[in-house]
Protein backbone atom coordinates (compact mmCIF):
# COMPACT_ATOMS: atom_id res chain seq x y z
CA UNK A 1 -10.62 -0.61 -0.25
CA UNK A 2 -10.93 -4.23 0.82
CA UNK A 3 -14.49 -3.80 2.12
CA UNK A 4 -15.62 -2.92 -1.40
CA UNK A 5 -14.01 -6.06 -2.84
CA UNK A 6 -15.68 -8.21 -0.20
CA UNK A 7 -19.09 -6.74 -1.08
CA UNK A 8 -18.53 -7.55 -4.75
CA UNK A 9 -17.67 -11.16 -3.91
CA UNK A 10 -20.72 -11.52 -1.67
CA UNK A 11 -22.97 -10.09 -4.38
CA UNK A 12 -21.56 -12.49 -6.94
CA UNK A 13 -22.06 -15.43 -4.57
CA UNK A 14 -25.71 -14.48 -4.12
CA UNK A 15 -26.25 -14.24 -7.85
CA UNK A 16 -26.44 -10.48 -7.85
CA UNK A 17 -24.61 -7.97 -10.01
CA UNK A 18 -21.18 -6.99 -8.65
CA UNK A 19 -20.72 -3.35 -7.77
CA UNK A 20 -19.12 -1.34 -10.57
CA UNK A 21 -15.50 -0.35 -10.30
CA UNK A 22 -15.02 3.08 -8.76
CA UNK A 23 -14.25 5.80 -11.30
CA UNK A 24 -10.99 7.69 -11.25
CA UNK A 25 -12.90 10.88 -10.42
CA UNK A 26 -14.34 9.22 -7.32
CA UNK A 27 -10.84 8.01 -6.36
CA UNK A 28 -9.47 11.54 -6.61
CA UNK A 29 -12.46 12.84 -4.63
CA UNK A 30 -11.82 10.36 -1.82
CA UNK A 31 -8.13 11.25 -1.82
CA UNK A 32 -9.01 14.94 -1.66
CA UNK A 33 -11.18 14.37 1.42
CA UNK A 34 -8.36 12.49 3.14
CA UNK A 35 -5.80 15.18 2.30
CA UNK A 36 -8.10 18.00 3.40
CA UNK A 37 -8.72 16.30 6.73
CA UNK A 38 -5.07 15.41 7.39
CA UNK A 39 -3.44 18.60 6.04
CA UNK A 40 -5.83 21.53 5.33
CA UNK A 41 -3.07 23.62 3.69
CA UNK A 42 -1.98 20.86 1.30
CA UNK A 43 -4.22 22.01 -1.56
CA UNK A 44 -2.86 25.55 -1.25
CA UNK A 45 0.68 24.19 -1.54
CA UNK A 46 -0.27 22.24 -4.66
CA UNK A 47 -1.85 25.34 -6.22
CA UNK A 48 1.22 27.38 -5.31
CA UNK A 49 3.56 24.92 -7.03
CA UNK A 50 1.28 24.86 -10.09
CA UNK A 51 1.19 28.66 -10.28
CA UNK A 52 4.93 29.17 -9.76
CA UNK A 53 5.90 26.74 -12.53
CA UNK A 54 3.35 28.20 -14.93
CA UNK A 55 4.43 31.79 -14.24
CA UNK A 56 8.10 30.86 -14.46
CA UNK A 57 7.50 29.25 -17.84
CA UNK A 58 5.62 32.29 -19.14
CA UNK A 59 8.41 34.63 -17.97
CA UNK A 60 11.01 32.56 -19.81
CA UNK A 61 8.78 32.53 -22.91
CA UNK A 62 8.31 36.28 -22.68
CA UNK A 63 12.08 36.79 -22.65
CA UNK A 64 12.30 34.62 -25.77
CA UNK A 65 9.46 36.49 -27.44
CA UNK A 66 6.89 33.63 -27.23
CA UNK A 67 4.96 33.99 -23.92
CA UNK A 68 1.76 32.27 -25.15
CA UNK A 69 3.61 29.31 -26.65
CA UNK A 70 5.69 28.94 -23.46
CA UNK A 71 2.51 29.12 -21.41
CA UNK A 72 0.99 26.19 -23.33
CA UNK A 73 4.18 24.18 -22.82
CA UNK A 74 4.38 25.04 -19.12
CA UNK A 75 0.74 24.19 -18.37
CA UNK A 76 1.06 20.36 -18.43
CA UNK A 77 4.37 20.53 -16.56
CA UNK A 78 2.81 22.72 -13.87
CA UNK A 79 -0.16 20.34 -13.61
CA UNK A 80 2.08 17.28 -13.27
CA UNK A 81 4.16 18.96 -10.56
CA UNK A 82 1.06 19.99 -8.59
CA UNK A 83 -0.51 16.57 -9.02
CA UNK A 84 2.68 14.82 -7.94
CA UNK A 85 2.75 16.91 -4.75
CA UNK A 86 -0.94 16.10 -4.18
CA UNK A 87 -0.23 12.36 -4.42
CA UNK A 88 2.52 12.75 -1.82
CA UNK A 89 0.05 14.41 0.55
CA UNK A 90 -2.53 11.71 -0.27
CA UNK A 91 0.07 9.04 0.45
CA UNK A 92 0.77 10.48 3.90
CA UNK A 93 -2.93 11.00 4.67
CA UNK A 94 -3.83 7.44 3.68
CA UNK A 95 -1.23 5.98 6.04
CA UNK A 96 -2.38 8.29 8.84
CA UNK A 97 -6.00 7.16 8.32
CA UNK A 98 -5.21 3.49 9.09
CA UNK A 99 -2.24 3.80 11.43
CA UNK A 100 -2.94 2.09 14.74
CA UNK A 101 -5.89 0.08 13.45
CA UNK A 102 -6.07 -3.70 13.70
CA UNK A 103 -4.90 -5.20 10.41
CA UNK A 104 -3.30 -1.99 9.14
CA UNK A 105 -0.13 -3.87 8.22
CA UNK A 106 -2.08 -6.40 6.15
CA UNK A 107 -3.89 -3.58 4.37
CA UNK A 108 -0.56 -2.08 3.33
CA UNK A 109 0.85 -5.45 2.27
CA UNK A 110 -2.17 -6.30 0.14
CA UNK A 111 -1.86 -3.02 -1.72
CA UNK A 112 1.50 -4.06 -3.22
CA UNK A 113 0.73 -4.56 -6.89
CA UNK A 114 3.12 -7.18 -8.23
CA UNK A 115 5.32 -9.98 -7.00
CA UNK A 116 3.82 -10.30 -3.52
CA UNK A 117 0.89 -12.45 -2.36
CA UNK A 118 -0.32 -11.80 1.18
CA UNK A 119 -2.37 -14.06 3.42
CA UNK A 120 -3.49 -11.84 6.32
CA UNK A 121 -3.72 -12.92 9.95
CA UNK A 122 -2.39 -16.47 9.65
CA UNK A 123 -1.80 -16.42 13.40
CA UNK A 124 -3.65 -14.26 15.95
CA UNK A 125 -3.88 -14.24 19.75
CA UNK A 126 -6.50 -12.84 22.12
CA UNK A 127 -4.62 -9.53 22.41
CA UNK A 128 -5.01 -9.04 18.64
CA UNK A 129 -1.30 -9.51 17.98
CA UNK A 130 -1.08 -11.07 14.55
CA UNK A 131 1.20 -12.43 11.86
CA UNK A 132 0.67 -12.03 8.11
CA UNK A 133 2.31 -14.33 5.57
CA UNK A 134 3.75 -12.97 2.32
CA UNK A 135 5.19 -15.03 -0.51
CA UNK A 136 7.60 -13.42 -2.97
CA UNK A 137 10.89 -14.11 -4.71
CA UNK A 138 12.53 -13.30 -1.36
CA UNK A 139 10.85 -16.44 -0.02
CA UNK A 140 8.30 -16.44 2.80
CA UNK A 141 8.05 -13.16 4.70
CA UNK A 142 6.32 -13.20 8.07
CA UNK A 143 5.08 -9.75 9.04
CA UNK A 144 3.99 -9.29 12.65
CA UNK A 145 2.11 -6.40 14.22
CA UNK A 146 1.06 -5.94 17.81
CA UNK A 147 2.65 -6.14 21.26
CA UNK A 148 5.07 -8.49 22.99
CA UNK A 149 3.02 -11.57 22.10
CA UNK A 150 3.75 -11.19 18.40
CA UNK A 151 7.25 -12.69 18.80
CA UNK A 152 5.78 -15.97 20.04
CA UNK A 153 3.33 -16.01 17.12
CA UNK A 154 6.20 -15.39 14.71
CA UNK A 155 8.16 -18.33 16.11
CA UNK A 156 5.15 -20.64 15.79
CA UNK A 157 4.54 -19.56 12.20
CA UNK A 158 8.24 -19.91 11.31
CA UNK A 159 8.25 -23.49 12.58
CA UNK A 160 5.14 -24.23 10.55
CA UNK A 161 6.70 -22.78 7.37
CA UNK A 162 9.96 -24.66 7.89
CA UNK A 163 7.96 -27.86 8.28
CA UNK A 164 5.79 -27.32 5.19
CA UNK A 165 8.40 -25.59 3.03
CA UNK A 166 11.75 -27.07 3.95
CA UNK A 167 14.63 -25.12 2.43
CA UNK A 168 12.58 -22.02 1.55
CA UNK A 169 14.00 -18.79 3.09
CA UNK A 170 11.85 -17.31 5.85
CA UNK A 171 12.24 -13.63 6.77
CA UNK A 172 10.66 -12.02 9.82
CA UNK A 173 9.54 -8.37 9.90
CA UNK A 174 7.81 -6.66 12.81
CA UNK A 175 5.80 -3.51 12.15
CA UNK A 176 6.44 -0.67 14.58
CA UNK A 177 8.47 2.40 15.37
CA UNK A 178 10.88 0.83 17.86
CA UNK A 179 14.45 -0.22 17.18
CA UNK A 180 14.67 -3.23 14.89
CA UNK A 181 11.13 -2.71 13.64
CA UNK A 182 9.83 -1.31 10.35
CA UNK A 183 7.32 1.54 10.37
CA UNK A 184 4.09 0.98 8.49
CA UNK A 185 4.98 3.86 6.14
CA UNK A 186 8.19 2.10 5.05
CA UNK A 187 6.82 -1.45 5.03
CA UNK A 188 6.26 -1.76 1.28
CA UNK A 189 9.65 -0.31 0.41
CA UNK A 190 11.38 -2.56 2.94
CA UNK A 191 9.86 -5.73 1.48
CA UNK A 192 10.69 -4.72 -2.08
CA UNK A 193 14.34 -4.28 -1.13
CA UNK A 194 14.71 -7.81 0.26
CA UNK A 195 17.13 -9.95 -1.83
CA UNK A 196 15.44 -12.28 -4.33
CA UNK A 197 16.25 -15.93 -3.63
CA UNK A 198 13.61 -17.87 -5.58
CA UNK A 199 13.08 -18.28 -9.29
CA UNK A 200 9.67 -17.82 -10.89
CA UNK A 201 9.15 -21.60 -11.06
CA UNK A 202 10.18 -22.08 -7.43
CA UNK A 203 7.89 -19.26 -6.31
CA UNK A 204 4.97 -20.85 -8.15
CA UNK A 205 5.59 -24.15 -6.36
CA UNK A 206 5.88 -22.41 -2.99
CA UNK A 207 2.56 -20.61 -3.47
CA UNK A 208 0.84 -23.81 -4.51
CA UNK A 209 1.95 -25.48 -1.27
CA UNK A 210 1.17 -22.43 0.86
CA UNK A 211 -2.47 -22.42 -0.31
CA UNK A 212 -3.04 -25.66 1.55
CA UNK A 213 -1.94 -24.05 4.82
CA UNK A 214 -4.63 -21.36 4.67
CA UNK A 215 -5.18 -18.51 7.11
CA UNK A 216 -7.80 -16.64 9.12
CA UNK A 217 -10.44 -14.12 8.07
CA UNK A 218 -9.76 -10.61 9.32
CA UNK A 219 -11.59 -7.34 8.59
CA UNK A 220 -9.16 -4.85 7.03
CA UNK A 221 -9.21 -1.08 7.61
CA UNK A 222 -11.27 0.63 4.92
CA UNK A 223 -10.10 3.55 2.79
CA UNK A 224 -7.69 4.19 -0.08
CA UNK A 225 -4.14 2.96 0.26
CA UNK A 226 -1.07 4.34 -1.46
CA UNK A 227 1.31 2.50 -3.72
CA UNK A 228 4.50 4.55 -3.92
CA UNK A 229 3.50 7.94 -5.36
CA UNK A 230 0.52 6.78 -7.40
CA UNK A 231 -3.03 7.66 -6.56
CA UNK A 232 -4.73 5.47 -3.94
CA UNK A 233 -7.07 2.88 -5.46
CA UNK A 234 -9.93 0.85 -4.18
């Protein structure tokens, strides 16, 4: 996902033609490969849901004396139900494909569409513990992933933010499955539920000041990433 964007930027910098945006068909194809690898029976479940809804609609139409008409009406509903289930499987498979990789948390954060701007790996140690910085109407959100050393990195980054952005709320989130941590699968939802404390004007000022702080370059895990129940995009 992010590897493709980097290639486009490099091509543009060299004066070349940026790579064309991936078609929706290719996106679905990639998602299908992920789902098939993670859950081989997922496609059968999607087909089963599609068939059951279609047949149920035809039966109801037959009882009303209009089986063909009911079949036409049931077809898009059956397709939407099957496709929705497929996106749920794709969502799970996409998380499974990056879970445990370095920078997986940043990859998830950067896939949030609106209201959040992520600077990955603003603080990293030799054990590859790292902190990502997110700006939103909730203020500055520091997201750490790694081992025990991440707490020290979080404290350093909090002090830096409080020095540069005095008065701006700073929230700390650690990615993980232990108590007090947020699993990578629930990270997006957790951030979106944080209370909004900044206005649009204040957020714009905060982001302008944060740009001067900068961050580090970090390779992100490749592959499609989910955004709620929508299809993964690159």
